[in-house]
Amino acid sequence: MLSKEKLAVVSIATTDHLHADPVCDAAEAGVRGIFFEKPLCTTIQDADRMLEVVARTGAKLAIDHTRCYIPNYRAVKKAVWDGEIGGLTRIVGHMGGTRSMLFRNGTHLIAVVCYLADSDPLWVIAAHERGFENYGPNYKGLGGKDPMQDPGSTIIIEYANGVRAIINSAKQTPALLEVDLQGPGGRYCVNDSSTKAWKTDKPEGELTEVLPPEGRGYLEQFGKTLILAVEEVAQMVLHDGPNSSPPQAALNTLEIMQAALISQNENSAKVMLPLPRL
């Protein structure tokens, strides 16, 4: 298909460990816009190869870390960095349920935490849920279908701008994805259906609930939720528009996940980022 047709945009939905080759093939064939399933990939080697090809060919690459496109998450990010809660100190992300898996759905939570933190990660400390203590430093899920091949994990992430995040992910808990953002002047709690907001009367003061930033959550029909992402890819191709889920951000997410595996394997040691290349 790539050799016979002059394609402007492609969407790639192969399983998680099989993203690199079709992305690179599409970019090398001259495809201008590529939108594909999360995560970026499952190894640092594949990630570096993908980013090199995209940089060399000029292809526009966007990854379906869906919450980077959803209006209520975007509205909270704008409010935070407009100074509505006096800056950002902590982010706590919660994920539960059977699919609380580091690479399968954890990539969504970590990606939106990185999106909201708006800075590069510096280091990671992690401890997996029970039963995964000896999982090892390499991802074994190969498609992300089996919850017993992909751990939930508690992860501390330090960002270059001073924001610190805590990822709280475990099976045997209620199914949810929620992000709690706190600064000296207030707090936002955002999930896929709603946002709540509080502000203080003074820095580090007591909280009073206020109206949250305006923005809808997920639409009932999931496919319609992705319309915003597809429209953004079109604007990237046609007008060099902004990219809410670019490859470097997806690489940061992958490095955090890989660092979590390494940290657990080394008795919850601090792992510095970016990870060393061989």
Protein backbone atom coordinates (compact mmCIF):
# COMPACT_ATOMS: atom_id res chain seq x y z
CA MET A 1 0.00 0.00 0.00
CA LEU A 2 2.75 2.44 0.94
CA SER A 3 4.54 1.84 -2.36
CA LYS A 4 1.40 2.04 -4.51
CA GLU A 5 -0.50 4.93 -2.97
CA LYS A 6 0.56 8.48 -2.14
CA LEU A 7 -0.86 8.66 1.38
CA ALA A 8 -1.02 11.90 3.33
CA VAL A 9 -2.00 10.42 6.71
CA VAL A 10 -2.01 6.91 8.17
CA SER A 11 -3.33 5.48 11.43
CA ILE A 12 -1.50 2.53 12.97
CA ALA A 13 -3.22 0.23 15.46
CA THR A 14 -0.81 -2.71 15.69
CA THR A 15 -0.19 -4.25 19.10
CA ASP A 16 2.08 -2.30 21.45
CA HIS A 17 5.41 -4.02 20.70
CA LEU A 18 4.86 -3.82 16.92
CA HIS A 19 4.65 -0.04 16.37
CA ALA A 20 8.18 0.76 15.26
CA ASP A 21 8.37 -0.87 11.83
CA PRO A 22 5.06 0.42 10.40
CA VAL A 23 5.73 3.93 11.73
CA CYS A 24 9.22 3.99 10.22
CA ASP A 25 8.01 2.46 6.95
CA ALA A 26 5.25 5.05 6.64
CA ALA A 27 7.63 7.95 7.34
CA GLU A 28 10.21 6.61 4.88
CA ALA A 29 7.45 6.29 2.24
CA GLY A 30 6.69 10.01 2.54
CA VAL A 31 3.54 9.88 4.66
CA ARG A 32 3.17 13.35 6.17
CA GLY A 33 1.03 12.56 9.22
CA ILE A 34 1.07 9.43 11.41
CA PHE A 35 -1.36 8.85 14.29
CA PHE A 36 -1.02 5.62 16.21
CA GLU A 37 -1.92 3.72 19.34
CA LYS A 38 -0.16 4.13 22.65
CA PRO A 39 2.46 3.55 23.92
CA LEU A 40 5.13 4.94 21.61
CA CYS A 41 6.66 1.44 21.64
CA THR A 42 8.04 -0.91 24.31
CA THR A 43 11.83 -0.52 24.04
CA ILE A 44 14.14 2.48 24.11
CA GLN A 45 15.95 1.14 21.04
CA ASP A 46 12.75 1.17 18.97
CA ALA A 47 11.85 4.62 20.30
CA ASP A 48 15.18 6.15 19.30
CA ARG A 49 14.88 4.59 15.83
CA MET A 50 11.38 5.99 15.38
CA LEU A 51 12.33 9.49 16.49
CA GLU A 52 15.39 9.50 14.20
CA VAL A 53 13.32 8.52 11.16
CA VAL A 54 10.61 11.05 11.92
CA ALA A 55 13.16 13.85 12.42
CA ARG A 56 14.96 12.95 9.19
CA THR A 57 11.83 12.63 7.01
CA GLY A 58 9.86 15.50 8.53
CA ALA A 59 6.80 13.32 9.15
CA LYS A 60 4.35 14.57 11.77
CA LEU A 61 3.90 11.95 14.49
CA ALA A 62 1.17 11.93 17.18
CA ILE A 63 0.50 9.22 19.75
CA ASP A 64 -2.96 8.38 21.09
CA HIS A 65 -2.41 9.39 24.69
CA THR A 66 -6.07 10.34 24.61
CA ARG A 67 -6.33 12.61 27.64
CA CYS A 68 -3.91 15.09 26.11
CA TYR A 69 -6.76 15.93 23.71
CA ILE A 70 -9.79 15.91 26.04
CA PRO A 71 -11.07 19.42 26.88
CA ASN A 72 -11.35 19.10 30.67
CA TYR A 73 -7.72 17.97 31.04
CA ARG A 74 -6.60 20.72 28.67
CA ALA A 75 -8.61 23.32 30.59
CA VAL A 76 -7.02 22.25 33.89
CA LYS A 77 -3.54 22.47 32.39
CA LYS A 78 -4.22 26.00 31.12
CA ALA A 79 -5.60 27.08 34.48
CA VAL A 80 -2.59 25.70 36.34
CA TRP A 81 -0.02 27.36 34.12
CA ASP A 82 -2.03 30.60 34.02
CA GLY A 83 -1.34 30.71 37.77
CA GLU A 84 -4.84 29.99 39.02
CA ILE A 85 -3.54 27.91 41.95
CA GLY A 86 -0.24 29.72 42.39
CA GLY A 87 1.86 27.23 40.44
CA LEU A 88 2.07 23.46 40.65
CA THR A 89 3.76 21.48 43.43
CA ARG A 90 2.36 17.93 43.33
CA ILE A 91 0.44 15.67 40.97
CA VAL A 92 -1.07 12.44 42.22
CA GLY A 93 -2.42 10.07 39.59
CA HIS A 94 -4.68 7.14 40.49
CA MET A 95 -5.42 4.11 38.33
CA GLY A 96 -7.31 0.99 39.40
CA GLY A 97 -9.06 -2.07 38.10
CA THR A 98 -8.01 -5.17 36.19
CA ARG A 99 -6.41 -3.13 33.43
CA SER A 100 -4.20 -1.21 35.84
CA MET A 101 -1.14 -2.30 33.89
CA LEU A 102 2.02 -0.24 33.51
CA PHE A 103 2.32 -0.46 29.72
CA ARG A 104 -1.28 -1.23 28.76
CA ASN A 105 -3.13 1.65 30.46
CA GLY A 106 -0.48 3.06 32.76
CA THR A 107 0.94 4.75 29.68
CA HIS A 108 -2.26 6.85 29.54
CA LEU A 109 -1.93 7.96 33.16
CA ILE A 110 1.80 8.68 32.99
CA ALA A 111 1.38 10.54 29.70
CA VAL A 112 -1.31 12.87 31.04
CA VAL A 113 0.72 13.48 34.21
CA CYS A 114 3.69 14.47 32.02
CA TYR A 115 1.37 16.64 29.90
CA LEU A 116 0.13 18.45 33.00
CA ALA A 117 3.59 18.75 34.59
CA ASP A 118 4.83 20.35 31.34
CA SER A 119 8.48 19.48 31.99
CA ASP A 120 11.01 16.73 31.39
CA PRO A 121 11.33 13.97 34.02
CA LEU A 122 14.62 13.79 35.93
CA TRP A 123 14.35 10.61 38.01
CA VAL A 124 12.03 7.77 38.98
CA ILE A 125 11.57 5.53 42.02
CA ALA A 126 9.11 2.62 41.78
CA ALA A 127 7.66 -0.32 43.67
CA HIS A 128 5.34 -2.76 41.88
CA GLU A 129 2.19 -4.26 43.33
CA ARG A 130 2.54 -7.58 45.14
CA GLY A 131 3.16 -10.56 42.90
CA PHE A 132 5.41 -8.60 40.54
CA GLU A 133 8.42 -8.14 42.84
CA ASN A 134 10.63 -10.25 40.55
CA TYR A 135 9.18 -9.09 37.24
CA GLY A 136 12.57 -7.95 35.93
CA PRO A 137 13.79 -4.90 34.00
CA ASN A 138 12.12 -5.69 30.65
CA TYR A 139 8.47 -5.52 29.60
CA LYS A 140 6.94 -8.97 29.00
CA GLY A 141 3.38 -8.12 28.01
CA LEU A 142 3.75 -8.33 24.22
CA GLY A 143 0.41 -6.84 23.35
CA GLY A 144 -0.88 -5.93 26.78
CA LYS A 145 -3.71 -8.48 26.85
CA ASP A 146 -2.77 -10.39 30.02
CA PRO A 147 -2.94 -8.43 33.31
CA MET A 148 -0.60 -10.94 34.91
CA GLN A 149 2.14 -10.02 32.45
CA ASP A 150 2.06 -6.28 33.15
CA PRO A 151 2.38 -4.86 36.70
CA GLY A 152 0.62 -2.01 38.40
CA SER A 153 3.20 0.17 40.10
CA THR A 154 3.63 2.99 42.59
CA ILE A 155 5.99 5.51 40.98
CA ILE A 156 7.55 8.76 42.16
CA ILE A 157 8.61 11.10 39.33
CA GLU A 158 10.65 14.28 39.76
CA TYR A 159 10.40 16.86 36.95
CA ALA A 160 12.93 19.50 35.94
CA ASN A 161 10.59 22.35 36.92
CA GLY A 162 10.30 21.09 40.50
CA VAL A 163 6.94 19.37 40.16
CA ARG A 164 6.84 15.94 41.78
CA ALA A 165 4.31 13.30 40.75
CA ILE A 166 3.12 10.12 42.43
CA ILE A 167 1.55 7.40 40.31
CA ASN A 168 -0.70 5.09 42.33
CA SER A 169 -1.64 2.12 40.16
CA ALA A 170 -2.86 -1.30 41.32
CA LYS A 171 -5.25 -4.08 40.47
CA GLN A 172 -7.69 -5.22 43.17
CA THR A 173 -8.90 -1.61 43.41
CA PRO A 174 -11.89 0.19 41.82
CA ALA A 175 -11.61 0.90 38.10
CA LEU A 176 -10.74 4.56 37.71
CA LEU A 177 -8.32 7.07 36.28
CA GLU A 178 -8.05 10.33 38.19
CA VAL A 179 -5.46 13.09 38.53
CA ASP A 180 -5.12 15.38 41.55
CA LEU A 181 -3.09 18.59 41.05
CA GLN A 182 -2.06 20.76 43.98
CA GLY A 183 -0.35 24.12 44.29
CA PRO A 184 -0.01 26.64 47.12
CA GLY A 185 -3.25 28.36 46.09
CA GLY A 186 -5.56 25.48 45.32
CA ARG A 187 -6.29 22.08 43.91
CA TYR A 188 -7.87 20.47 40.84
CA CYS A 189 -9.17 16.90 40.66
CA VAL A 190 -9.90 15.75 37.11
CA ASN A 191 -11.13 12.46 35.66
CA ASP A 192 -12.70 11.35 32.40
CA SER A 193 -16.16 12.68 33.22
CA SER A 194 -15.71 15.68 35.51
CA THR A 195 -13.46 18.24 37.18
CA LYS A 196 -13.57 19.64 40.71
CA ALA A 197 -11.68 22.72 41.91
CA TRP A 198 -10.76 24.36 45.20
CA LYS A 199 -8.88 27.56 46.02
CA THR A 200 -7.31 28.85 49.22
CA ASP A 201 -7.79 32.20 50.90
CA LYS A 202 -3.99 32.55 51.11
CA PRO A 203 -0.97 30.45 50.03
CA GLU A 204 -1.08 27.10 51.85
CA GLY A 205 -4.42 28.09 53.39
CA GLU A 206 -7.67 26.18 53.76
CA LEU A 207 -9.53 25.05 50.67
CA THR A 208 -12.92 26.28 49.48
CA GLU A 209 -14.64 24.57 46.56
CA VAL A 210 -15.08 26.79 43.49
CA LEU A 211 -16.31 26.37 39.93
CA PRO A 212 -13.84 24.32 37.86
CA PRO A 213 -12.39 25.34 34.49
CA GLU A 214 -14.88 24.67 31.71
CA GLY A 215 -14.29 21.66 29.50
CA ARG A 216 -16.12 18.42 28.78
CA GLY A 217 -14.75 14.98 29.49
CA TYR A 218 -14.96 11.79 27.42
CA LEU A 219 -17.89 11.49 25.08
CA GLU A 220 -20.12 8.44 25.55
CA GLN A 221 -19.08 7.06 22.17
CA PHE A 222 -15.31 6.62 22.40
CA GLY A 223 -14.69 7.11 18.68
CA LYS A 224 -16.10 10.62 18.86
CA THR A 225 -13.59 11.45 21.59
CA LEU A 226 -10.79 10.90 19.09
CA ILE A 227 -12.19 13.44 16.61
CA LEU A 228 -10.20 16.20 18.33
CA ALA A 229 -7.00 14.20 17.93
CA VAL A 230 -7.65 13.50 14.24
CA GLU A 231 -8.48 17.16 13.59
CA GLU A 232 -5.24 18.17 15.28
CA VAL A 233 -3.21 15.76 13.12
CA ALA A 234 -4.82 17.28 10.03
CA GLN A 235 -3.82 20.77 11.19
CA MET A 236 -0.28 19.54 11.88
CA VAL A 237 -0.01 18.28 8.29
CA LEU A 238 -1.76 21.17 6.58
CA HIS A 239 -0.57 24.13 8.62
CA ASP A 240 2.26 22.90 10.86
CA GLY A 241 -0.13 23.17 13.83
CA PRO A 242 0.69 22.31 17.44
CA ASN A 243 1.01 18.71 18.63
CA SER A 244 -0.55 17.83 22.00
CA SER A 245 1.02 14.36 22.07
CA PRO A 246 4.38 14.61 20.27
CA PRO A 247 7.02 11.87 20.01
CA GLN A 248 9.38 13.44 22.57
CA ALA A 249 6.62 13.50 25.18
CA ALA A 250 5.78 9.87 24.36
CA LEU A 251 9.47 9.03 24.74
CA ASN A 252 9.44 10.63 28.20
CA THR A 253 6.47 8.43 29.09
CA LEU A 254 8.23 5.30 27.84
CA GLU A 255 11.42 6.18 29.73
CA ILE A 256 9.42 6.55 32.96
CA MET A 257 7.79 3.14 32.45
CA GLN A 258 11.10 1.50 31.63
CA ALA A 259 12.75 3.24 34.59
CA ALA A 260 9.99 1.90 36.86
CA LEU A 261 10.88 -1.65 35.81
CA ILE A 262 14.57 -0.98 36.45
CA SER A 263 13.89 0.66 39.82
CA GLN A 264 11.82 -2.28 41.08
CA ASN A 265 14.47 -4.70 39.83
CA GLU A 266 17.09 -2.79 41.86
CA ASN A 267 15.15 -2.73 45.16
CA SER A 268 13.34 0.52 44.36
CA ALA A 269 16.53 2.43 43.57
CA LYS A 270 16.39 5.94 42.13
CA VAL A 271 16.82 5.77 38.35
CA MET A 272 18.07 8.90 36.59
CA LEU A 273 16.64 10.02 33.25
CA PRO A 274 17.19 9.97 30.38
CA LEU A 275 18.19 6.33 30.49
CA PRO A 276 21.68 5.48 29.21
CA ARG A 277 21.95 4.21 25.65
CA LEU A 278 24.09 1.21 24.79
